[in-house]
Amino acid sequence: MKKISLGLFMLLGVIAHAQSGIQQGEVTRIETELASDAMEGRGMFTPGIEKASAFIEGEFKRIGLTYYKELTSYSQDFLIKGKKANNVIGMIPGKSKPNEYVIFSGHYDHLGMEESGVDKIYNGANDDASGITAVITLAEYFKKKNDNARTLIFVAFTGEETGGYGSSFFSNSINADEVVAMFNIEMIGTESKWGKNSAYITGFERSDFGTILQKNLVGSGFNFYQDPYPQEQLFYRSDNATLAALGVPAHTISTSKMDIEPNYHKLSDEVSTLDMDNMTEIIKSIAISSQTIISGKDTPSRVPKKKK
């Protein structure tokens, strides 16, 4: 029998832990709740988005996350054009590098409802209940693992669909120089253009973030690719944009086929259209690929700051 290298042995251990710790049943439970009709499409300033916020806060409490900085709850409140809104944030303090932050994020707002029709709810199952499901699932995974050197921040942003308000407000509450990496997760419920066990990373070429992730996945059968839709300028179209503009290796992970995604921003974006098995594997792969960043072994290169 050939000798197994220490690196491969450790990778196999991480994969085994992810396989046992991230279960499809739990992924399906969270996704189904967030994209349910009861959430009324999670439109801004509606009872539906308040229900979604309460659900996410409840999950963070169940997991046992700590509050973010000076907050006294998981809700980071602010105003959008004079109306109340909030992000939902939880943390796992770092063991040895508490002032270095790794962020996992997605947005929980969506398009709300039509005034009439047989089906009038924009459930937003893929956009972006899938991303928030990943954030919650990863929070529980890392809380149980309990070995993170760097502080982990889990954020459910609001206002993405209406201008990135939540991520902009959050970015002003944290020192960008202390943020080591940001895993923004957006629309991972369908297969990518390469099929199962694959996803792409926006702005792949702007830092070595993606290279680090792929290195950590060697032998897993999962692949991260460069964004195949450069004409869409996706790097600055999601909640990673504000911190990326400040130099943070803040990237979005997605599988959405932006040229032919049939349910994007449509009433048909429902849980029944998602591949829950593949989505679970994507979440596991994010958990595995982030390990050396979380442990402090790897620090992604900074993104060139956006010129004003």
C-alpha atoms as a PDB file:
ATOM      1  CA  MET A   1       0.000   0.000   0.000  1.00  0.00           C
ATOM      2  CA  LYS A   2       1.275   3.453  -0.896  1.00  0.00           C
ATOM      3  CA  LYS A   3       1.874   5.885   1.916  1.00  0.00           C
ATOM      4  CA  ILE A   4      -0.775   8.570   2.316  1.00  0.00           C
ATOM      5  CA  SER A   5       0.695  12.058   2.652  1.00  0.00           C
ATOM      6  CA  LEU A   6      -0.150  14.091   5.741  1.00  0.00           C
ATOM      7  CA  GLY A   7      -1.908  16.683   3.568  1.00  0.00           C
ATOM      8  CA  LEU A   8      -4.111  14.080   1.912  1.00  0.00           C
ATOM      9  CA  PHE A   9      -4.816  12.434   5.258  1.00  0.00           C
ATOM     10  CA  MET A  10      -5.978  15.782   6.658  1.00  0.00           C
ATOM     11  CA  LEU A  11      -8.107  16.458   3.572  1.00  0.00           C
ATOM     12  CA  LEU A  12      -9.793  13.077   3.926  1.00  0.00           C
ATOM     13  CA  GLY A  13     -10.547  13.909   7.552  1.00  0.00           C
ATOM     14  CA  VAL A  14     -12.061  17.270   6.629  1.00  0.00           C
ATOM     15  CA  ILE A  15     -14.163  15.674   3.865  1.00  0.00           C
ATOM     16  CA  ALA A  16     -15.404  12.997   6.254  1.00  0.00           C
ATOM     17  CA  HIS A  17     -16.360  15.641   8.815  1.00  0.00           C
ATOM     18  CA  ALA A  18     -18.213  17.699   6.201  1.00  0.00           C
ATOM     19  CA  GLN A  19     -20.016  14.612   4.938  1.00  0.00           C
ATOM     20  CA  SER A  20     -21.219  13.784   8.435  1.00  0.00           C
ATOM     21  CA  GLY A  21     -21.893  17.362   9.521  1.00  0.00           C
ATOM     22  CA  ILE A  22     -23.830  18.808   6.568  1.00  0.00           C
ATOM     23  CA  GLN A  23     -26.953  16.792   5.868  1.00  0.00           C
ATOM     24  CA  GLN A  24     -29.343  17.157   2.944  1.00  0.00           C
ATOM     25  CA  GLY A  25     -32.355  16.861   5.223  1.00  0.00           C
ATOM     26  CA  GLU A  26     -31.312  19.936   7.164  1.00  0.00           C
ATOM     27  CA  VAL A  27     -30.472  21.845   3.983  1.00  0.00           C
ATOM     28  CA  THR A  28     -33.934  21.024   2.637  1.00  0.00           C
ATOM     29  CA  ARG A  29     -35.642  22.055   5.883  1.00  0.00           C
ATOM     30  CA  ILE A  30     -34.044  25.497   5.931  1.00  0.00           C
ATOM     31  CA  GLU A  31     -34.463  26.115   2.199  1.00  0.00           C
ATOM     32  CA  THR A  32     -38.117  25.079   2.267  1.00  0.00           C
ATOM     33  CA  GLU A  33     -38.904  27.400   5.155  1.00  0.00           C
ATOM     34  CA  LEU A  34     -37.162  30.432   3.656  1.00  0.00           C
ATOM     35  CA  ALA A  35     -38.824  29.988   0.261  1.00  0.00           C
ATOM     36  CA  SER A  36     -42.267  29.122   1.624  1.00  0.00           C
ATOM     37  CA  ASP A  37     -45.409  31.033   0.696  1.00  0.00           C
ATOM     38  CA  ALA A  38     -45.588  32.179   4.323  1.00  0.00           C
ATOM     39  CA  MET A  39     -42.560  34.427   3.667  1.00  0.00           C
ATOM     40  CA  GLU A  40     -44.564  36.204   0.914  1.00  0.00           C
ATOM     41  CA  GLY A  41     -41.553  36.619  -1.348  1.00  0.00           C
ATOM     42  CA  ARG A  42     -39.483  38.397   1.323  1.00  0.00           C
ATOM     43  CA  GLY A  43     -40.144  41.815  -0.204  1.00  0.00           C
ATOM     44  CA  MET A  44     -38.636  44.867   1.451  1.00  0.00           C
ATOM     45  CA  PHE A  45     -40.646  46.503   4.247  1.00  0.00           C
ATOM     46  CA  THR A  46     -43.232  43.708   4.361  1.00  0.00           C
ATOM     47  CA  PRO A  47     -44.418  41.256   7.029  1.00  0.00           C
ATOM     48  CA  GLY A  48     -42.869  38.509   4.887  1.00  0.00           C
ATOM     49  CA  ILE A  49     -39.326  39.792   5.201  1.00  0.00           C
ATOM     50  CA  GLU A  50     -39.847  40.291   8.939  1.00  0.00           C
ATOM     51  CA  LYS A  51     -40.807  36.604   9.171  1.00  0.00           C
ATOM     52  CA  ALA A  52     -37.689  35.658   7.250  1.00  0.00           C
ATOM     53  CA  SER A  53     -35.508  37.760   9.542  1.00  0.00           C
ATOM     54  CA  ALA A  54     -37.081  36.165  12.615  1.00  0.00           C
ATOM     55  CA  PHE A  55     -36.509  32.697  11.202  1.00  0.00           C
ATOM     56  CA  ILE A  56     -32.819  33.377  10.490  1.00  0.00           C
ATOM     57  CA  GLU A  57     -32.362  34.945  13.926  1.00  0.00           C
ATOM     58  CA  GLY A  58     -33.942  31.860  15.456  1.00  0.00           C
ATOM     59  CA  GLU A  59     -31.543  29.599  13.585  1.00  0.00           C
ATOM     60  CA  PHE A  60     -28.536  31.633  14.721  1.00  0.00           C
ATOM     61  CA  LYS A  61     -29.806  31.399  18.315  1.00  0.00           C
ATOM     62  CA  ARG A  62     -30.348  27.634  18.020  1.00  0.00           C
ATOM     63  CA  ILE A  63     -26.804  27.202  16.706  1.00  0.00           C
ATOM     64  CA  GLY A  64     -25.379  29.352  19.489  1.00  0.00           C
ATOM     65  CA  LEU A  65     -23.701  32.136  17.536  1.00  0.00           C
ATOM     66  CA  THR A  66     -22.544  35.223  19.393  1.00  0.00           C
ATOM     67  CA  TYR A  67     -23.713  38.740  18.573  1.00  0.00           C
ATOM     68  CA  TYR A  68     -21.770  40.940  16.200  1.00  0.00           C
ATOM     69  CA  LYS A  69     -19.620  43.567  17.898  1.00  0.00           C
ATOM     70  CA  GLU A  70     -21.756  45.901  20.030  1.00  0.00           C
ATOM     71  CA  LEU A  71     -25.124  44.537  18.918  1.00  0.00           C
ATOM     72  CA  THR A  72     -27.472  43.196  21.589  1.00  0.00           C
ATOM     73  CA  SER A  73     -29.275  40.877  19.192  1.00  0.00           C
ATOM     74  CA  TYR A  74     -28.668  39.266  15.799  1.00  0.00           C
ATOM     75  CA  SER A  75     -30.398  42.174  14.069  1.00  0.00           C
ATOM     76  CA  GLN A  76     -28.309  45.008  12.639  1.00  0.00           C
ATOM     77  CA  ASP A  77     -30.882  47.757  12.212  1.00  0.00           C
ATOM     78  CA  PHE A  78     -30.668  50.741   9.877  1.00  0.00           C
ATOM     79  CA  LEU A  79     -32.838  52.902   7.655  1.00  0.00           C
ATOM     80  CA  ILE A  80     -33.393  52.757   3.923  1.00  0.00           C
ATOM     81  CA  LYS A  81     -34.950  55.997   2.730  1.00  0.00           C
ATOM     82  CA  GLY A  82     -36.464  56.528   6.149  1.00  0.00           C
ATOM     83  CA  LYS A  83     -37.831  52.983   6.469  1.00  0.00           C
ATOM     84  CA  LYS A  84     -36.575  50.399   8.956  1.00  0.00           C
ATOM     85  CA  ALA A  85     -34.532  47.475   7.634  1.00  0.00           C
ATOM     86  CA  ASN A  86     -32.065  45.005   9.090  1.00  0.00           C
ATOM     87  CA  ASN A  87     -29.295  42.576   8.343  1.00  0.00           C
ATOM     88  CA  VAL A  88     -29.036  39.414  10.446  1.00  0.00           C
ATOM     89  CA  ILE A  89     -25.537  38.708  11.792  1.00  0.00           C
ATOM     90  CA  GLY A  90     -23.951  36.067  14.007  1.00  0.00           C
ATOM     91  CA  MET A  91     -20.339  35.248  14.886  1.00  0.00           C
ATOM     92  CA  ILE A  92     -18.004  32.524  16.042  1.00  0.00           C
ATOM     93  CA  PRO A  93     -15.025  34.252  17.728  1.00  0.00           C
ATOM     94  CA  GLY A  94     -11.589  33.159  16.547  1.00  0.00           C
ATOM     95  CA  LYS A  95      -9.456  31.043  18.855  1.00  0.00           C
ATOM     96  CA  SER A  96      -6.040  32.539  18.082  1.00  0.00           C
ATOM     97  CA  LYS A  97      -6.650  35.305  15.528  1.00  0.00           C
ATOM     98  CA  PRO A  98      -9.867  36.947  16.741  1.00  0.00           C
ATOM     99  CA  ASN A  99      -9.211  40.239  14.954  1.00  0.00           C
ATOM    100  CA  GLU A 100      -8.979  38.602  11.531  1.00  0.00           C
ATOM    101  CA  TYR A 101     -12.378  38.022   9.950  1.00  0.00           C
ATOM    102  CA  VAL A 102     -13.758  35.538   7.438  1.00  0.00           C
ATOM    103  CA  ILE A 103     -17.275  36.346   6.232  1.00  0.00           C
ATOM    104  CA  PHE A 104     -19.948  34.003   4.883  1.00  0.00           C
ATOM    105  CA  SER A 105     -22.909  35.853   3.411  1.00  0.00           C
ATOM    106  CA  GLY A 106     -25.973  35.889   1.216  1.00  0.00           C
ATOM    107  CA  HIS A 107     -29.099  38.041   0.910  1.00  0.00           C
ATOM    108  CA  TYR A 108     -32.496  37.133   2.298  1.00  0.00           C
ATOM    109  CA  ASP A 109     -34.646  39.736   0.566  1.00  0.00           C
ATOM    110  CA  HIS A 110     -36.398  39.010  -2.714  1.00  0.00           C
ATOM    111  CA  LEU A 111     -39.083  40.504  -4.956  1.00  0.00           C
ATOM    112  CA  GLY A 112     -42.200  40.116  -2.824  1.00  0.00           C
ATOM    113  CA  MET A 113     -45.589  39.565  -4.436  1.00  0.00           C
ATOM    114  CA  GLU A 114     -47.729  40.536  -7.386  1.00  0.00           C
ATOM    115  CA  GLU A 115     -51.057  42.170  -6.571  1.00  0.00           C
ATOM    116  CA  SER A 116     -53.059  39.398  -8.216  1.00  0.00           C
ATOM    117  CA  GLY A 117     -52.776  36.071  -9.991  1.00  0.00           C
ATOM    118  CA  VAL A 118     -53.052  32.354  -9.300  1.00  0.00           C
ATOM    119  CA  ASP A 119     -49.392  32.317  -8.282  1.00  0.00           C
ATOM    120  CA  LYS A 120     -48.408  35.770  -7.114  1.00  0.00           C
ATOM    121  CA  ILE A 121     -45.488  35.007  -4.773  1.00  0.00           C
ATOM    122  CA  TYR A 122     -41.872  35.401  -5.871  1.00  0.00           C
ATOM    123  CA  ASN A 123     -40.569  32.651  -3.571  1.00  0.00           C
ATOM    124  CA  GLY A 124     -36.925  33.275  -4.461  1.00  0.00           C
ATOM    125  CA  ALA A 125     -35.879  29.706  -3.711  1.00  0.00           C
ATOM    126  CA  ASN A 126     -32.656  29.986  -5.686  1.00  0.00           C
ATOM    127  CA  ASP A 127     -32.339  33.779  -5.400  1.00  0.00           C
ATOM    128  CA  ASP A 128     -31.243  33.774  -2.663  1.00  0.00           C
ATOM    129  CA  ALA A 129     -32.827  31.437  -0.153  1.00  0.00           C
ATOM    130  CA  SER A 130     -30.229  28.940  -1.377  1.00  0.00           C
ATOM    131  CA  GLY A 131     -27.403  31.244  -0.303  1.00  0.00           C
ATOM    132  CA  ILE A 132     -28.915  31.901   3.121  1.00  0.00           C
ATOM    133  CA  THR A 133     -29.484  28.184   3.577  1.00  0.00           C
ATOM    134  CA  ALA A 134     -25.766  27.714   2.951  1.00  0.00           C
ATOM    135  CA  VAL A 135     -24.864  30.468   5.433  1.00  0.00           C
ATOM    136  CA  ILE A 136     -26.990  28.907   8.187  1.00  0.00           C
ATOM    137  CA  THR A 137     -25.770  25.385   7.465  1.00  0.00           C
ATOM    138  CA  LEU A 138     -22.134  26.492   7.426  1.00  0.00           C
ATOM    139  CA  ALA A 139     -22.608  28.384  10.689  1.00  0.00           C
ATOM    140  CA  GLU A 140     -23.799  25.214  12.383  1.00  0.00           C
ATOM    141  CA  TYR A 141     -21.016  23.154  10.816  1.00  0.00           C
ATOM    142  CA  PHE A 142     -18.245  25.479  11.986  1.00  0.00           C
ATOM    143  CA  LYS A 143     -19.819  25.982  15.407  1.00  0.00           C
ATOM    144  CA  LYS A 144     -19.731  22.228  15.986  1.00  0.00           C
ATOM    145  CA  LYS A 145     -16.215  21.947  14.547  1.00  0.00           C
ATOM    146  CA  ASN A 146     -15.111  24.655  16.999  1.00  0.00           C
ATOM    147  CA  ASP A 147     -11.511  25.015  15.812  1.00  0.00           C
ATOM    148  CA  ASN A 148     -11.496  28.268  13.835  1.00  0.00           C
ATOM    149  CA  ALA A 149      -8.403  30.400  14.375  1.00  0.00           C
ATOM    150  CA  ARG A 150      -9.999  33.409  12.709  1.00  0.00           C
ATOM    151  CA  THR A 151     -13.335  34.939  13.658  1.00  0.00           C
ATOM    152  CA  LEU A 152     -16.193  33.817  11.435  1.00  0.00           C
ATOM    153  CA  ILE A 153     -19.030  36.202  10.611  1.00  0.00           C
ATOM    154  CA  PHE A 154     -22.289  34.945   9.127  1.00  0.00           C
ATOM    155  CA  VAL A 155     -24.427  37.625   7.487  1.00  0.00           C
ATOM    156  CA  ALA A 156     -27.864  37.575   5.888  1.00  0.00           C
ATOM    157  CA  PHE A 157     -28.077  40.865   4.015  1.00  0.00           C
ATOM    158  CA  THR A 158     -31.231  42.758   3.196  1.00  0.00           C
ATOM    159  CA  GLY A 159     -31.827  45.158   0.334  1.00  0.00           C
ATOM    160  CA  GLU A 160     -29.688  43.400  -2.283  1.00  0.00           C
ATOM    161  CA  GLU A 161     -32.452  43.393  -4.865  1.00  0.00           C
ATOM    162  CA  THR A 162     -33.045  47.121  -4.415  1.00  0.00           C
ATOM    163  CA  GLY A 163     -29.467  48.420  -4.458  1.00  0.00           C
ATOM    164  CA  GLY A 164     -27.186  46.538  -2.057  1.00  0.00           C
ATOM    165  CA  TYR A 165     -28.239  48.584   0.959  1.00  0.00           C
ATOM    166  CA  GLY A 166     -27.598  45.916   3.581  1.00  0.00           C
ATOM    167  CA  SER A 167     -24.089  45.022   2.465  1.00  0.00           C
ATOM    168  CA  SER A 168     -23.171  48.692   2.126  1.00  0.00           C
ATOM    169  CA  PHE A 169     -24.302  49.402   5.691  1.00  0.00           C
ATOM    170  CA  PHE A 170     -22.476  46.366   7.038  1.00  0.00           C
ATOM    171  CA  SER A 171     -19.274  47.311   5.214  1.00  0.00           C
ATOM    172  CA  ASN A 172     -19.227  50.610   7.086  1.00  0.00           C
ATOM    173  CA  SER A 173     -19.363  48.740  10.399  1.00  0.00           C
ATOM    174  CA  ILE A 174     -16.175  46.743   9.887  1.00  0.00           C
ATOM    175  CA  ASN A 175     -12.555  47.554   9.135  1.00  0.00           C
ATOM    176  CA  ALA A 176     -11.953  46.207   5.634  1.00  0.00           C
ATOM    177  CA  ASP A 177      -8.261  45.751   6.412  1.00  0.00           C
ATOM    178  CA  GLU A 178      -9.186  43.154   9.036  1.00  0.00           C
ATOM    179  CA  VAL A 179     -11.365  41.108   6.665  1.00  0.00           C
ATOM    180  CA  VAL A 180      -9.256  38.258   5.305  1.00  0.00           C
ATOM    181  CA  ALA A 181     -11.875  36.822   2.937  1.00  0.00           C
ATOM    182  CA  MET A 182     -15.568  36.963   2.087  1.00  0.00           C
ATOM    183  CA  PHE A 183     -17.530  33.983   0.782  1.00  0.00           C
ATOM    184  CA  ASN A 184     -20.682  35.517  -0.665  1.00  0.00           C
ATOM    185  CA  ILE A 185     -23.102  32.796  -1.752  1.00  0.00           C
ATOM    186  CA  GLU A 186     -25.672  33.593  -4.423  1.00  0.00           C
ATOM    187  CA  MET A 187     -27.933  31.165  -6.297  1.00  0.00           C
ATOM    188  CA  ILE A 188     -26.447  27.678  -5.798  1.00  0.00           C
ATOM    189  CA  GLY A 189     -29.665  25.667  -6.147  1.00  0.00           C
ATOM    190  CA  THR A 190     -29.299  24.663  -9.803  1.00  0.00           C
ATOM    191  CA  GLU A 191     -26.522  22.931 -11.704  1.00  0.00           C
ATOM    192  CA  SER A 192     -23.808  25.095 -13.219  1.00  0.00           C
ATOM    193  CA  LYS A 193     -22.993  25.012 -16.936  1.00  0.00           C
ATOM    194  CA  TRP A 194     -20.447  22.282 -16.120  1.00  0.00           C
ATOM    195  CA  GLY A 195     -23.033  20.068 -14.410  1.00  0.00           C
ATOM    196  CA  LYS A 196     -23.015  18.697 -10.887  1.00  0.00           C
ATOM    197  CA  ASN A 197     -20.201  19.131  -8.364  1.00  0.00           C
ATOM    198  CA  SER A 198     -19.112  22.466  -9.772  1.00  0.00           C
ATOM    199  CA  ALA A 199     -19.590  26.184  -9.236  1.00  0.00           C
ATOM    200  CA  TYR A 200     -17.928  29.399 -10.337  1.00  0.00           C
ATOM    201  CA  ILE A 201     -16.319  32.255  -8.463  1.00  0.00           C
ATOM    202  CA  THR A 202     -16.799  35.835  -9.596  1.00  0.00           C
ATOM    203  CA  GLY A 203     -13.616  37.853  -9.914  1.00  0.00           C
ATOM    204  CA  PHE A 204     -11.552  34.651  -9.858  1.00  0.00           C
ATOM    205  CA  GLU A 205      -8.638  36.390 -11.550  1.00  0.00           C
ATOM    206  CA  ARG A 206      -8.576  39.328  -9.118  1.00  0.00           C
ATOM    207  CA  SER A 207      -7.010  37.407  -6.200  1.00  0.00           C
ATOM    208  CA  ASP A 208      -5.782  33.900  -5.386  1.00  0.00           C
ATOM    209  CA  PHE A 209      -8.917  33.188  -3.327  1.00  0.00           C
ATOM    210  CA  GLY A 210     -10.216  30.717  -5.911  1.00  0.00           C
ATOM    211  CA  THR A 211      -6.849  29.046  -6.315  1.00  0.00           C
ATOM    212  CA  ILE A 212      -6.694  28.410  -2.576  1.00  0.00           C
ATOM    213  CA  LEU A 213     -10.195  26.961  -2.557  1.00  0.00           C
ATOM    214  CA  GLN A 214      -9.462  24.652  -5.459  1.00  0.00           C
ATOM    215  CA  LYS A 215      -6.211  23.485  -3.857  1.00  0.00           C
ATOM    216  CA  ASN A 216      -8.164  22.443  -0.786  1.00  0.00           C
ATOM    217  CA  LEU A 217     -10.567  20.426  -2.950  1.00  0.00           C
ATOM    218  CA  VAL A 218      -7.994  18.238  -4.685  1.00  0.00           C
ATOM    219  CA  GLY A 219      -9.281  14.680  -4.542  1.00  0.00           C
ATOM    220  CA  SER A 220     -12.833  15.688  -3.662  1.00  0.00           C
ATOM    221  CA  GLY A 221     -14.260  15.579  -7.190  1.00  0.00           C
ATOM    222  CA  PHE A 222     -15.561  19.145  -6.926  1.00  0.00           C
ATOM    223  CA  ASN A 223     -14.332  22.007  -9.106  1.00  0.00           C
ATOM    224  CA  PHE A 224     -14.517  25.783  -8.882  1.00  0.00           C
ATOM    225  CA  TYR A 225     -14.271  27.651 -12.182  1.00  0.00           C
ATOM    226  CA  GLN A 226     -13.799  31.217 -13.311  1.00  0.00           C
ATOM    227  CA  ASP A 227     -16.960  33.214 -13.917  1.00  0.00           C
ATOM    228  CA  PRO A 228     -18.107  32.259 -17.431  1.00  0.00           C
ATOM    229  CA  TYR A 229     -20.295  35.345 -17.811  1.00  0.00           C
ATOM    230  CA  PRO A 230     -17.840  38.284 -17.796  1.00  0.00           C
ATOM    231  CA  GLN A 231     -20.226  40.370 -19.883  1.00  0.00           C
ATOM    232  CA  GLU A 232     -22.658  40.350 -16.950  1.00  0.00           C
ATOM    233  CA  GLN A 233     -20.081  42.003 -14.648  1.00  0.00           C
ATOM    234  CA  LEU A 234     -21.270  39.832 -11.764  1.00  0.00           C
ATOM    235  CA  PHE A 235     -18.316  40.679  -9.526  1.00  0.00           C
ATOM    236  CA  TYR A 236     -19.811  44.076  -8.737  1.00  0.00           C
ATOM    237  CA  ARG A 237     -23.467  43.008  -8.872  1.00  0.00           C
ATOM    238  CA  SER A 238     -23.799  41.182  -5.557  1.00  0.00           C
ATOM    239  CA  ASP A 239     -23.185  41.784  -1.865  1.00  0.00           C
ATOM    240  CA  ASN A 240     -19.445  41.179  -2.127  1.00  0.00           C
ATOM    241  CA  ALA A 241     -19.052  44.388  -4.134  1.00  0.00           C
ATOM    242  CA  THR A 242     -18.630  46.991  -1.400  1.00  0.00           C
ATOM    243  CA  LEU A 243     -15.868  45.178   0.463  1.00  0.00           C
ATOM    244  CA  ALA A 244     -14.240  44.069  -2.795  1.00  0.00           C
ATOM    245  CA  ALA A 245     -14.005  47.710  -3.847  1.00  0.00           C
ATOM    246  CA  LEU A 246     -12.036  48.312  -0.638  1.00  0.00           C
ATOM    247  CA  GLY A 247      -9.516  45.598  -1.479  1.00  0.00           C
ATOM    248  CA  VAL A 248     -10.996  42.622   0.353  1.00  0.00           C
ATOM    249  CA  PRO A 249     -10.795  39.259  -1.461  1.00  0.00           C
ATOM    250  CA  ALA A 250     -14.582  39.211  -1.430  1.00  0.00           C
ATOM    251  CA  HIS A 251     -16.006  36.876  -4.042  1.00  0.00           C
ATOM    252  CA  THR A 252     -19.378  35.398  -4.918  1.00  0.00           C
ATOM    253  CA  ILE A 253     -19.836  31.659  -5.347  1.00  0.00           C
ATOM    254  CA  SER A 254     -22.677  30.725  -7.705  1.00  0.00           C
ATOM    255  CA  THR A 255     -23.961  28.111 -10.131  1.00  0.00           C
ATOM    256  CA  SER A 256     -26.568  30.266 -11.856  1.00  0.00           C
ATOM    257  CA  LYS A 257     -26.528  29.983 -15.645  1.00  0.00           C
ATOM    258  CA  MET A 258     -27.032  33.675 -16.256  1.00  0.00           C
ATOM    259  CA  ASP A 259     -27.656  33.233 -19.972  1.00  0.00           C
ATOM    260  CA  ILE A 260     -30.337  30.534 -19.736  1.00  0.00           C
ATOM    261  CA  GLU A 261     -31.492  30.290 -16.085  1.00  0.00           C
ATOM    262  CA  PRO A 262     -35.237  29.652 -16.621  1.00  0.00           C
ATOM    263  CA  ASN A 263     -36.583  30.832 -13.251  1.00  0.00           C
ATOM    264  CA  TYR A 264     -34.388  33.859 -12.514  1.00  0.00           C
ATOM    265  CA  HIS A 265     -36.544  36.678 -11.088  1.00  0.00           C
ATOM    266  CA  LYS A 266     -39.698  34.779 -11.985  1.00  0.00           C
ATOM    267  CA  LEU A 267     -42.649  33.465 -10.006  1.00  0.00           C
ATOM    268  CA  SER A 268     -41.445  29.970 -10.869  1.00  0.00           C
ATOM    269  CA  ASP A 269     -38.320  30.227  -8.681  1.00  0.00           C
ATOM    270  CA  GLU A 270     -39.609  27.628  -6.225  1.00  0.00           C
ATOM    271  CA  VAL A 271     -38.034  24.847  -4.156  1.00  0.00           C
ATOM    272  CA  SER A 272     -39.330  22.197  -6.569  1.00  0.00           C
ATOM    273  CA  THR A 273     -36.969  23.549  -9.266  1.00  0.00           C
ATOM    274  CA  LEU A 274     -33.828  23.080  -7.154  1.00  0.00           C
ATOM    275  CA  ASP A 275     -31.398  20.168  -7.050  1.00  0.00           C
ATOM    276  CA  MET A 276     -31.140  19.707  -3.285  1.00  0.00           C
ATOM    277  CA  ASP A 277     -28.586  16.906  -3.495  1.00  0.00           C
ATOM    278  CA  ASN A 278     -26.213  18.975  -5.630  1.00  0.00           C
ATOM    279  CA  MET A 279     -26.820  22.051  -3.488  1.00  0.00           C
ATOM    280  CA  THR A 280     -25.829  20.086  -0.387  1.00  0.00           C
ATOM    281  CA  GLU A 281     -22.614  18.974  -2.082  1.00  0.00           C
ATOM    282  CA  ILE A 282     -21.817  22.592  -2.976  1.00  0.00           C
ATOM    283  CA  ILE A 283     -22.223  23.637   0.664  1.00  0.00           C
ATOM    284  CA  LYS A 284     -19.963  20.780   1.770  1.00  0.00           C
ATOM    285  CA  SER A 285     -17.375  21.879  -0.773  1.00  0.00           C
ATOM    286  CA  ILE A 286     -17.458  25.458   0.502  1.00  0.00           C
ATOM    287  CA  ALA A 287     -16.869  24.100   4.005  1.00  0.00           C
ATOM    288  CA  ILE A 288     -13.924  21.977   2.847  1.00  0.00           C
ATOM    289  CA  SER A 289     -12.361  24.595   0.585  1.00  0.00           C
ATOM    290  CA  SER A 290     -12.421  27.333   3.238  1.00  0.00           C
ATOM    291  CA  GLN A 291     -10.517  25.326   5.860  1.00  0.00           C
ATOM    292  CA  THR A 292      -7.025  26.732   5.393  1.00  0.00           C
ATOM    293  CA  ILE A 293      -8.333  30.300   5.334  1.00  0.00           C
ATOM    294  CA  ILE A 294     -10.276  29.719   8.536  1.00  0.00           C
ATOM    295  CA  SER A 295      -7.307  28.051  10.219  1.00  0.00           C
ATOM    296  CA  GLY A 296      -4.993  30.931   9.338  1.00  0.00           C
ATOM    297  CA  LYS A 297      -2.752  28.807   7.140  1.00  0.00           C
ATOM    298  CA  ASP A 298      -3.725  30.673   3.968  1.00  0.00           C
ATOM    299  CA  THR A 299      -4.393  34.369   3.471  1.00  0.00           C
ATOM    300  CA  PRO A 300      -5.809  35.307   0.052  1.00  0.00           C
ATOM    301  CA  SER A 301      -4.151  38.152  -1.831  1.00  0.00           C
ATOM    302  CA  ARG A 302      -5.996  41.442  -1.787  1.00  0.00           C
ATOM    303  CA  VAL A 303      -8.234  42.539  -4.649  1.00  0.00           C
ATOM    304  CA  PRO A 304      -7.100  45.717  -6.444  1.00  0.00           C
ATOM    305  CA  LYS A 305      -9.144  48.565  -5.000  1.00  0.00           C
ATOM    306  CA  LYS A 306     -11.813  49.970  -7.241  1.00  0.00           C
ATOM    307  CA  LYS A 307     -10.946  53.388  -8.610  1.00  0.00           C
ATOM    308  CA  LYS A 308     -13.418  56.086  -7.657  1.00  0.00           C
END
